[in-house]
Amino acid sequence: MAPKEENIKREHLPPDQISTPKLLKWGEDHPTIGGHVPKIDLKKWALTVEGEVENPLKLDWKNLLKQPKVKSTSAFHCVEGWSVLGLKWEGVGFQQIVKLVRPKRNARFVTFECADGYKTSLTLEELMGNDVVLAYRLDGKPLKPGIGAPLRLVVPSKYAYKNAMWVTTILFTAEKQIGYWESRGYSDTADVWKNDRFSK
């Protein structure tokens, strides 16, 4: 790699991260937490959005795909210290979900629940960036199960444990709910640029 290219790459890496060429697949390149990748039938799958919202929502796969599609190119950062640059995600922008459900004034937090029982949460403010996507395609192809198919959250400024896979429910709340890794000593803010990996 030419020196100029290497410098550009380093500039886009958060502290203590190294670049790797591909996103590791859960259960294939990367060990799973629960020992398996959930098998999801798209005919039965639906995204439920509820909690402190004016318009609770349930979208089956067909209706999810009817939502305006966004494209976002971003880096992916695992708390273990590896990053993948330039991933091209496609899906529904989180701002679109907010527009549809109209969160109540007291809805300050959002919890993502997943098909394998995993959950994590972020503030609503953290999710309002233009690059925050509920993704169903990566690099021009449908997501694979080991990447979080059919639907995963992408929040580029946060470590991967905040980027929930196999999302089934989005819950808007007034109080913070503590996620799986956050309850085990990992940082709740998970800011990649602040090297914010563990609770202090």
C-alpha atoms as a PDB file:
ATOM      1  CA  MET A   1       0.000   0.000   0.000  1.00  0.00           C
ATOM      2  CA  ALA A   2       1.341   3.444  -0.925  1.00  0.00           C
ATOM      3  CA  PRO A   3       2.251   5.773   1.991  1.00  0.00           C
ATOM      4  CA  LYS A   4      -0.470   8.256   1.032  1.00  0.00           C
ATOM      5  CA  GLU A   5      -3.142   5.519   1.034  1.00  0.00           C
ATOM      6  CA  GLU A   6      -1.910   4.236   4.396  1.00  0.00           C
ATOM      7  CA  ASN A   7      -2.117   7.741   5.907  1.00  0.00           C
ATOM      8  CA  ILE A   8      -5.702   8.154   4.657  1.00  0.00           C
ATOM      9  CA  LYS A   9      -6.607   4.800   6.198  1.00  0.00           C
ATOM     10  CA  ARG A  10      -5.102   5.720   9.559  1.00  0.00           C
ATOM     11  CA  GLU A  11      -6.960   9.022   9.619  1.00  0.00           C
ATOM     12  CA  HIS A  12     -10.263   7.136   9.433  1.00  0.00           C
ATOM     13  CA  LEU A  13      -9.446   4.662  12.210  1.00  0.00           C
ATOM     14  CA  PRO A  14     -10.465   5.432  15.800  1.00  0.00           C
ATOM     15  CA  PRO A  15      -7.888   4.971  18.601  1.00  0.00           C
ATOM     16  CA  ASP A  16      -6.501   1.444  19.067  1.00  0.00           C
ATOM     17  CA  GLN A  17      -8.295   0.016  16.018  1.00  0.00           C
ATOM     18  CA  ILE A  18      -6.682  -1.825  13.103  1.00  0.00           C
ATOM     19  CA  SER A  19      -8.156  -2.180   9.633  1.00  0.00           C
ATOM     20  CA  THR A  20      -9.347  -5.574   8.414  1.00  0.00           C
ATOM     21  CA  PRO A  21     -10.588  -6.273   4.862  1.00  0.00           C
ATOM     22  CA  LYS A  22     -13.976  -7.820   5.601  1.00  0.00           C
ATOM     23  CA  LEU A  23     -16.806  -7.843   8.101  1.00  0.00           C
ATOM     24  CA  LEU A  24     -16.657 -11.008  10.203  1.00  0.00           C
ATOM     25  CA  LYS A  25     -19.750 -13.210  10.027  1.00  0.00           C
ATOM     26  CA  TRP A  26     -21.296 -14.205  13.347  1.00  0.00           C
ATOM     27  CA  GLY A  27     -21.103 -17.980  13.770  1.00  0.00           C
ATOM     28  CA  GLU A  28     -18.626 -18.363  10.891  1.00  0.00           C
ATOM     29  CA  ASP A  29     -15.629 -16.029  11.204  1.00  0.00           C
ATOM     30  CA  HIS A  30     -16.623 -14.916  14.708  1.00  0.00           C
ATOM     31  CA  PRO A  31     -17.917 -17.027  17.631  1.00  0.00           C
ATOM     32  CA  THR A  32     -21.499 -16.394  18.706  1.00  0.00           C
ATOM     33  CA  ILE A  33     -22.582 -15.507  22.235  1.00  0.00           C
ATOM     34  CA  GLY A  34     -25.556 -17.853  22.363  1.00  0.00           C
ATOM     35  CA  GLY A  35     -24.004 -20.567  20.235  1.00  0.00           C
ATOM     36  CA  HIS A  36     -26.184 -20.086  17.167  1.00  0.00           C
ATOM     37  CA  VAL A  37     -27.354 -17.670  14.523  1.00  0.00           C
ATOM     38  CA  PRO A  38     -31.168 -17.416  14.636  1.00  0.00           C
ATOM     39  CA  LYS A  39     -33.079 -18.866  11.696  1.00  0.00           C
ATOM     40  CA  ILE A  40     -35.672 -16.329  10.618  1.00  0.00           C
ATOM     41  CA  ASP A  41     -38.577 -16.960   8.257  1.00  0.00           C
ATOM     42  CA  LEU A  42     -39.240 -13.734   6.337  1.00  0.00           C
ATOM     43  CA  LYS A  43     -42.864 -14.756   5.845  1.00  0.00           C
ATOM     44  CA  LYS A  44     -43.352 -14.624   9.619  1.00  0.00           C
ATOM     45  CA  TRP A  45     -40.889 -11.848  10.479  1.00  0.00           C
ATOM     46  CA  ALA A  46     -42.074  -8.351  11.366  1.00  0.00           C
ATOM     47  CA  LEU A  47     -40.542  -5.240  12.891  1.00  0.00           C
ATOM     48  CA  THR A  48     -42.512  -3.953  15.875  1.00  0.00           C
ATOM     49  CA  VAL A  49     -42.034  -0.333  16.991  1.00  0.00           C
ATOM     50  CA  GLU A  50     -43.753   0.557  20.245  1.00  0.00           C
ATOM     51  CA  GLY A  51     -43.443   2.214  23.648  1.00  0.00           C
ATOM     52  CA  GLU A  52     -43.591   5.976  24.153  1.00  0.00           C
ATOM     53  CA  VAL A  53     -44.835   6.773  20.639  1.00  0.00           C
ATOM     54  CA  GLU A  54     -47.982   8.309  19.187  1.00  0.00           C
ATOM     55  CA  ASN A  55     -48.285   5.744  16.384  1.00  0.00           C
ATOM     56  CA  PRO A  56     -47.126   2.204  17.275  1.00  0.00           C
ATOM     57  CA  LEU A  57     -46.071   0.362  14.163  1.00  0.00           C
ATOM     58  CA  LYS A  58     -45.689  -3.170  12.855  1.00  0.00           C
ATOM     59  CA  LEU A  59     -44.016  -3.675   9.488  1.00  0.00           C
ATOM     60  CA  ASP A  60     -43.796  -7.047   7.789  1.00  0.00           C
ATOM     61  CA  TRP A  61     -40.959  -7.635   5.336  1.00  0.00           C
ATOM     62  CA  LYS A  62     -42.907  -6.534   2.283  1.00  0.00           C
ATOM     63  CA  ASN A  63     -43.989  -3.259   3.892  1.00  0.00           C
ATOM     64  CA  LEU A  64     -40.536  -2.581   5.288  1.00  0.00           C
ATOM     65  CA  LEU A  65     -39.157  -2.690   1.750  1.00  0.00           C
ATOM     66  CA  LYS A  66     -41.767  -0.126   0.686  1.00  0.00           C
ATOM     67  CA  GLN A  67     -40.231   2.472   3.005  1.00  0.00           C
ATOM     68  CA  PRO A  68     -37.896   5.058   1.444  1.00  0.00           C
ATOM     69  CA  LYS A  69     -34.480   3.469   0.971  1.00  0.00           C
ATOM     70  CA  VAL A  70     -31.285   5.203   2.031  1.00  0.00           C
ATOM     71  CA  LYS A  71     -27.675   4.401   1.199  1.00  0.00           C
ATOM     72  CA  SER A  72     -24.858   5.092   3.613  1.00  0.00           C
ATOM     73  CA  THR A  73     -21.131   4.393   3.350  1.00  0.00           C
ATOM     74  CA  SER A  74     -19.420   4.093   6.707  1.00  0.00           C
ATOM     75  CA  ALA A  75     -16.835   2.248   8.775  1.00  0.00           C
ATOM     76  CA  PHE A  76     -17.661  -0.554  11.194  1.00  0.00           C
ATOM     77  CA  HIS A  77     -15.747  -0.797  14.467  1.00  0.00           C
ATOM     78  CA  CYS A  78     -15.655  -3.835  16.753  1.00  0.00           C
ATOM     79  CA  VAL A  79     -14.795  -3.297  20.421  1.00  0.00           C
ATOM     80  CA  GLU A  80     -12.239  -6.118  20.028  1.00  0.00           C
ATOM     81  CA  GLY A  81     -10.070  -3.703  18.045  1.00  0.00           C
ATOM     82  CA  TRP A  82     -10.784  -4.357  14.365  1.00  0.00           C
ATOM     83  CA  SER A  83     -12.476  -2.060  11.862  1.00  0.00           C
ATOM     84  CA  VAL A  84     -13.767  -2.383   8.302  1.00  0.00           C
ATOM     85  CA  LEU A  85     -13.755   0.795   6.234  1.00  0.00           C
ATOM     86  CA  GLY A  86     -16.051   1.820   3.393  1.00  0.00           C
ATOM     87  CA  LEU A  87     -19.001  -0.518   3.935  1.00  0.00           C
ATOM     88  CA  LYS A  88     -21.981   0.370   1.748  1.00  0.00           C
ATOM     89  CA  TRP A  89     -25.236  -0.141   3.641  1.00  0.00           C
ATOM     90  CA  GLU A  90     -28.781   0.123   2.293  1.00  0.00           C
ATOM     91  CA  GLY A  91     -31.991   0.138   4.280  1.00  0.00           C
ATOM     92  CA  VAL A  92     -34.416   2.369   6.134  1.00  0.00           C
ATOM     93  CA  GLY A  93     -33.018   5.460   7.799  1.00  0.00           C
ATOM     94  CA  PHE A  94     -33.827   5.603  11.493  1.00  0.00           C
ATOM     95  CA  GLN A  95     -35.157   9.112  10.929  1.00  0.00           C
ATOM     96  CA  GLN A  96     -37.903   7.554   8.798  1.00  0.00           C
ATOM     97  CA  ILE A  97     -38.970   5.323  11.686  1.00  0.00           C
ATOM     98  CA  VAL A  98     -39.123   8.363  13.955  1.00  0.00           C
ATOM     99  CA  LYS A  99     -41.223  10.180  11.378  1.00  0.00           C
ATOM    100  CA  LEU A 100     -43.684   7.282  11.203  1.00  0.00           C
ATOM    101  CA  VAL A 101     -44.160   6.616  14.924  1.00  0.00           C
ATOM    102  CA  ARG A 102     -43.812  10.174  16.315  1.00  0.00           C
ATOM    103  CA  PRO A 103     -42.093   9.645  19.690  1.00  0.00           C
ATOM    104  CA  LYS A 104     -43.679  11.331  22.695  1.00  0.00           C
ATOM    105  CA  ARG A 105     -41.797  14.144  24.424  1.00  0.00           C
ATOM    106  CA  ASN A 106     -40.644  11.847  27.228  1.00  0.00           C
ATOM    107  CA  ALA A 107     -39.139   9.276  24.819  1.00  0.00           C
ATOM    108  CA  ARG A 108     -35.435   9.881  25.400  1.00  0.00           C
ATOM    109  CA  PHE A 109     -34.129   6.354  24.884  1.00  0.00           C
ATOM    110  CA  VAL A 110     -34.515   3.542  22.359  1.00  0.00           C
ATOM    111  CA  THR A 111     -34.009  -0.169  23.017  1.00  0.00           C
ATOM    112  CA  PHE A 112     -33.419  -2.673  20.213  1.00  0.00           C
ATOM    113  CA  GLU A 113     -34.533  -6.251  20.854  1.00  0.00           C
ATOM    114  CA  CYS A 114     -33.309  -9.078  18.661  1.00  0.00           C
ATOM    115  CA  ALA A 115     -34.375 -12.540  17.530  1.00  0.00           C
ATOM    116  CA  ASP A 116     -31.679 -14.230  19.637  1.00  0.00           C
ATOM    117  CA  GLY A 117     -32.697 -12.457  22.861  1.00  0.00           C
ATOM    118  CA  TYR A 118     -29.948  -9.827  22.645  1.00  0.00           C
ATOM    119  CA  LYS A 119     -30.750  -6.210  23.381  1.00  0.00           C
ATOM    120  CA  THR A 120     -28.990  -2.860  23.501  1.00  0.00           C
ATOM    121  CA  SER A 121     -30.092   0.741  23.851  1.00  0.00           C
ATOM    122  CA  LEU A 122     -29.063   4.222  22.803  1.00  0.00           C
ATOM    123  CA  THR A 123     -30.382   7.708  23.319  1.00  0.00           C
ATOM    124  CA  LEU A 124     -32.803   8.968  20.714  1.00  0.00           C
ATOM    125  CA  GLU A 125     -30.403  11.824  20.034  1.00  0.00           C
ATOM    126  CA  GLU A 126     -27.598   9.379  19.180  1.00  0.00           C
ATOM    127  CA  LEU A 127     -29.831   7.704  16.603  1.00  0.00           C
ATOM    128  CA  MET A 128     -30.815  10.813  14.670  1.00  0.00           C
ATOM    129  CA  GLY A 129     -27.711  11.047  12.483  1.00  0.00           C
ATOM    130  CA  ASN A 130     -28.089  10.748   8.718  1.00  0.00           C
ATOM    131  CA  ASP A 131     -25.792   7.697   8.750  1.00  0.00           C
ATOM    132  CA  VAL A 132     -27.913   5.660  11.191  1.00  0.00           C
ATOM    133  CA  VAL A 133     -29.629   2.919   9.196  1.00  0.00           C
ATOM    134  CA  LEU A 134     -31.764  -0.150   9.743  1.00  0.00           C
ATOM    135  CA  ALA A 135     -29.922  -2.070   7.060  1.00  0.00           C
ATOM    136  CA  TYR A 136     -31.019  -5.016   4.944  1.00  0.00           C
ATOM    137  CA  ARG A 137     -28.345  -4.840   2.227  1.00  0.00           C
ATOM    138  CA  LEU A 138     -24.547  -4.604   2.344  1.00  0.00           C
ATOM    139  CA  ASP A 139     -22.277  -3.811  -0.594  1.00  0.00           C
ATOM    140  CA  GLY A 140     -25.131  -4.296  -3.053  1.00  0.00           C
ATOM    141  CA  LYS A 141     -26.272  -7.696  -1.737  1.00  0.00           C
ATOM    142  CA  PRO A 142     -28.899  -8.818   0.798  1.00  0.00           C
ATOM    143  CA  LEU A 143     -27.516  -9.219   4.310  1.00  0.00           C
ATOM    144  CA  LYS A 144     -26.364 -12.712   5.222  1.00  0.00           C
ATOM    145  CA  PRO A 145     -27.567 -14.318   8.480  1.00  0.00           C
ATOM    146  CA  GLY A 146     -24.112 -13.996  10.036  1.00  0.00           C
ATOM    147  CA  ILE A 147     -24.172 -10.238   9.396  1.00  0.00           C
ATOM    148  CA  GLY A 148     -27.595  -9.756  10.990  1.00  0.00           C
ATOM    149  CA  ALA A 149     -30.179 -10.587   8.310  1.00  0.00           C
ATOM    150  CA  PRO A 150     -32.872  -9.730   7.749  1.00  0.00           C
ATOM    151  CA  LEU A 151     -32.423  -6.387   9.541  1.00  0.00           C
ATOM    152  CA  ARG A 152     -29.631  -4.863  11.597  1.00  0.00           C
ATOM    153  CA  LEU A 153     -28.893  -1.504  13.119  1.00  0.00           C
ATOM    154  CA  VAL A 154     -25.923   0.508  11.838  1.00  0.00           C
ATOM    155  CA  VAL A 155     -24.604   3.328  14.045  1.00  0.00           C
ATOM    156  CA  PRO A 156     -21.091   4.090  12.720  1.00  0.00           C
ATOM    157  CA  SER A 157     -19.994   6.196  15.704  1.00  0.00           C
ATOM    158  CA  LYS A 158     -20.591   3.317  18.142  1.00  0.00           C
ATOM    159  CA  TYR A 159     -18.801   0.029  18.716  1.00  0.00           C
ATOM    160  CA  ALA A 160     -20.424  -2.991  17.110  1.00  0.00           C
ATOM    161  CA  TYR A 161     -22.246  -4.218  20.220  1.00  0.00           C
ATOM    162  CA  LYS A 162     -24.523  -1.186  19.823  1.00  0.00           C
ATOM    163  CA  ASN A 163     -25.178  -2.158  16.179  1.00  0.00           C
ATOM    164  CA  ALA A 164     -27.826  -4.764  16.972  1.00  0.00           C
ATOM    165  CA  MET A 165     -28.342  -7.701  14.596  1.00  0.00           C
ATOM    166  CA  TRP A 166     -31.569  -9.590  13.796  1.00  0.00           C
ATOM    167  CA  VAL A 167     -33.678  -6.676  15.048  1.00  0.00           C
ATOM    168  CA  THR A 168     -37.328  -7.517  15.735  1.00  0.00           C
ATOM    169  CA  THR A 169     -38.496  -4.806  18.156  1.00  0.00           C
ATOM    170  CA  ILE A 170     -37.718  -1.128  18.668  1.00  0.00           C
ATOM    171  CA  LEU A 171     -38.909   0.212  22.005  1.00  0.00           C
ATOM    172  CA  PHE A 172     -39.009   3.945  22.795  1.00  0.00           C
ATOM    173  CA  THR A 173     -38.740   4.591  26.541  1.00  0.00           C
ATOM    174  CA  ALA A 174     -38.536   7.386  29.084  1.00  0.00           C
ATOM    175  CA  GLU A 175     -35.985   5.469  31.169  1.00  0.00           C
ATOM    176  CA  LYS A 176     -32.752   3.862  30.052  1.00  0.00           C
ATOM    177  CA  GLN A 177     -32.723   0.083  29.644  1.00  0.00           C
ATOM    178  CA  ILE A 178     -29.346  -1.577  30.084  1.00  0.00           C
ATOM    179  CA  GLY A 179     -28.257  -3.920  27.313  1.00  0.00           C
ATOM    180  CA  TYR A 180     -26.527  -7.305  27.297  1.00  0.00           C
ATOM    181  CA  TRP A 181     -22.896  -6.184  27.117  1.00  0.00           C
ATOM    182  CA  GLU A 182     -23.504  -2.963  29.010  1.00  0.00           C
ATOM    183  CA  SER A 183     -24.678  -5.000  32.015  1.00  0.00           C
ATOM    184  CA  ARG A 184     -21.407  -6.949  31.812  1.00  0.00           C
ATOM    185  CA  GLY A 185     -19.045  -3.995  32.137  1.00  0.00           C
ATOM    186  CA  TYR A 186     -18.933  -2.554  28.634  1.00  0.00           C
ATOM    187  CA  SER A 187     -19.459   1.169  28.133  1.00  0.00           C
ATOM    188  CA  ASP A 188     -23.016   2.359  27.626  1.00  0.00           C
ATOM    189  CA  THR A 189     -21.857   5.260  25.457  1.00  0.00           C
ATOM    190  CA  ALA A 190     -19.494   3.121  23.307  1.00  0.00           C
ATOM    191  CA  ASP A 191     -18.029   6.142  21.482  1.00  0.00           C
ATOM    192  CA  VAL A 192     -15.404   4.823  19.054  1.00  0.00           C
ATOM    193  CA  TRP A 193     -13.567   8.150  18.785  1.00  0.00           C
ATOM    194  CA  LYS A 194     -13.190   8.427  22.568  1.00  0.00           C
ATOM    195  CA  ASN A 195     -11.961   4.819  22.890  1.00  0.00           C
ATOM    196  CA  ASP A 196     -14.898   4.346  25.224  1.00  0.00           C
ATOM    197  CA  ARG A 197     -14.971   0.556  25.554  1.00  0.00           C
ATOM    198  CA  PHE A 198     -15.579  -0.203  29.219  1.00  0.00           C
ATOM    199  CA  SER A 199     -17.604   1.276  32.067  1.00  0.00           C
ATOM    200  CA  LYS A 200     -15.598   3.604  34.267  1.00  0.00           C
END
